[in-house]
């Protein structure tokens, strides 16, 4: 289960991206999470996925 609080979700997802070295699509598949919904939720706190950095910034 992933955190529902956007700030906690941001920390959780960036940790997964960093520690597992996968891109966002791979992390979403591993966690069985809808990528569009995840990006929309984090966009709500003004964070967007940067593929070059492989993190939400």
C-alpha atoms as a PDB file:
ATOM      1  CA  UNK A   1       0.000   0.000   0.000  1.00  0.00           C
ATOM      2  CA  UNK A   2       1.258   3.465  -0.834  1.00  0.00           C
ATOM      3  CA  UNK A   3       0.793   6.593   1.314  1.00  0.00           C
ATOM      4  CA  UNK A   4      -2.299   8.677   0.590  1.00  0.00           C
ATOM      5  CA  UNK A   5      -0.829  11.943   1.917  1.00  0.00           C
ATOM      6  CA  UNK A   6       0.794  13.709  -1.076  1.00  0.00           C
ATOM      7  CA  UNK A   7       3.942  14.762   0.842  1.00  0.00           C
ATOM      8  CA  UNK A   8       4.478  11.243   2.181  1.00  0.00           C
ATOM      9  CA  UNK A   9       3.741   9.841  -1.271  1.00  0.00           C
ATOM     10  CA  UNK A  10       6.389  12.116  -2.789  1.00  0.00           C
ATOM     11  CA  UNK A  11       9.009  10.891  -0.323  1.00  0.00           C
ATOM     12  CA  UNK A  12       7.977   7.257  -0.788  1.00  0.00           C
ATOM     13  CA  UNK A  13       8.063   7.350  -4.602  1.00  0.00           C
ATOM     14  CA  UNK A  14      11.362   9.255  -4.803  1.00  0.00           C
ATOM     15  CA  UNK A  15      12.893   6.727  -2.399  1.00  0.00           C
ATOM     16  CA  UNK A  16      11.697   3.847  -4.598  1.00  0.00           C
ATOM     17  CA  UNK A  17      13.014   5.554  -7.729  1.00  0.00           C
ATOM     18  CA  UNK A  18      16.399   6.132  -6.094  1.00  0.00           C
ATOM     19  CA  UNK A  19      16.815   2.777  -4.344  1.00  0.00           C
ATOM     20  CA  UNK A  20      15.523   0.489  -7.078  1.00  0.00           C
ATOM     21  CA  UNK A  21      16.959   2.361 -10.052  1.00  0.00           C
ATOM     22  CA  UNK A  22      13.860   1.869 -12.139  1.00  0.00           C
ATOM     23  CA  UNK A  23      11.998   4.537 -14.037  1.00  0.00           C
ATOM     24  CA  UNK A  24       8.553   5.720 -13.019  1.00  0.00           C
ATOM     25  CA  UNK A  25       6.796   3.216 -15.273  1.00  0.00           C
ATOM     26  CA  UNK A  26       8.717   0.336 -13.673  1.00  0.00           C
ATOM     27  CA  UNK A  27       7.961   1.511 -10.146  1.00  0.00           C
ATOM     28  CA  UNK A  28       4.264   1.906 -10.986  1.00  0.00           C
ATOM     29  CA  UNK A  29       4.178  -1.621 -12.381  1.00  0.00           C
ATOM     30  CA  UNK A  30       5.913  -3.021  -9.286  1.00  0.00           C
ATOM     31  CA  UNK A  31       3.492  -1.219  -6.965  1.00  0.00           C
ATOM     32  CA  UNK A  32       0.441  -1.823  -9.183  1.00  0.00           C
ATOM     33  CA  UNK A  33      -0.272   1.921  -9.237  1.00  0.00           C
ATOM     34  CA  UNK A  34      -1.851   3.950 -12.021  1.00  0.00           C
ATOM     35  CA  UNK A  35       0.892   6.256 -13.289  1.00  0.00           C
ATOM     36  CA  UNK A  36      -1.477   9.007 -14.446  1.00  0.00           C
ATOM     37  CA  UNK A  37      -3.246   9.102 -11.067  1.00  0.00           C
ATOM     38  CA  UNK A  38       0.087   9.197  -9.245  1.00  0.00           C
ATOM     39  CA  UNK A  39       1.407  12.036 -11.398  1.00  0.00           C
ATOM     40  CA  UNK A  40      -1.860  13.947 -10.991  1.00  0.00           C
ATOM     41  CA  UNK A  41      -1.745  13.624  -7.208  1.00  0.00           C
ATOM     42  CA  UNK A  42       1.857  14.843  -7.030  1.00  0.00           C
ATOM     43  CA  UNK A  43       1.147  17.645  -9.507  1.00  0.00           C
ATOM     44  CA  UNK A  44      -1.384  18.833  -6.925  1.00  0.00           C
ATOM     45  CA  UNK A  45       1.554  19.758  -4.680  1.00  0.00           C
ATOM     46  CA  UNK A  46       3.528  21.101  -7.655  1.00  0.00           C
ATOM     47  CA  UNK A  47       5.863  18.129  -8.185  1.00  0.00           C
ATOM     48  CA  UNK A  48       6.418  16.655 -11.618  1.00  0.00           C
ATOM     49  CA  UNK A  49       8.409  13.668 -12.810  1.00  0.00           C
ATOM     50  CA  UNK A  50      11.774  14.520 -14.342  1.00  0.00           C
ATOM     51  CA  UNK A  51      12.898  11.497 -16.377  1.00  0.00           C
ATOM     52  CA  UNK A  52      16.465  12.765 -16.684  1.00  0.00           C
ATOM     53  CA  UNK A  53      16.833  12.959 -12.903  1.00  0.00           C
ATOM     54  CA  UNK A  54      14.487  10.002 -12.346  1.00  0.00           C
ATOM     55  CA  UNK A  55      12.683  11.770  -9.531  1.00  0.00           C
ATOM     56  CA  UNK A  56       9.831  14.116  -8.804  1.00  0.00           C
ATOM     57  CA  UNK A  57      11.036  17.700  -8.536  1.00  0.00           C
END
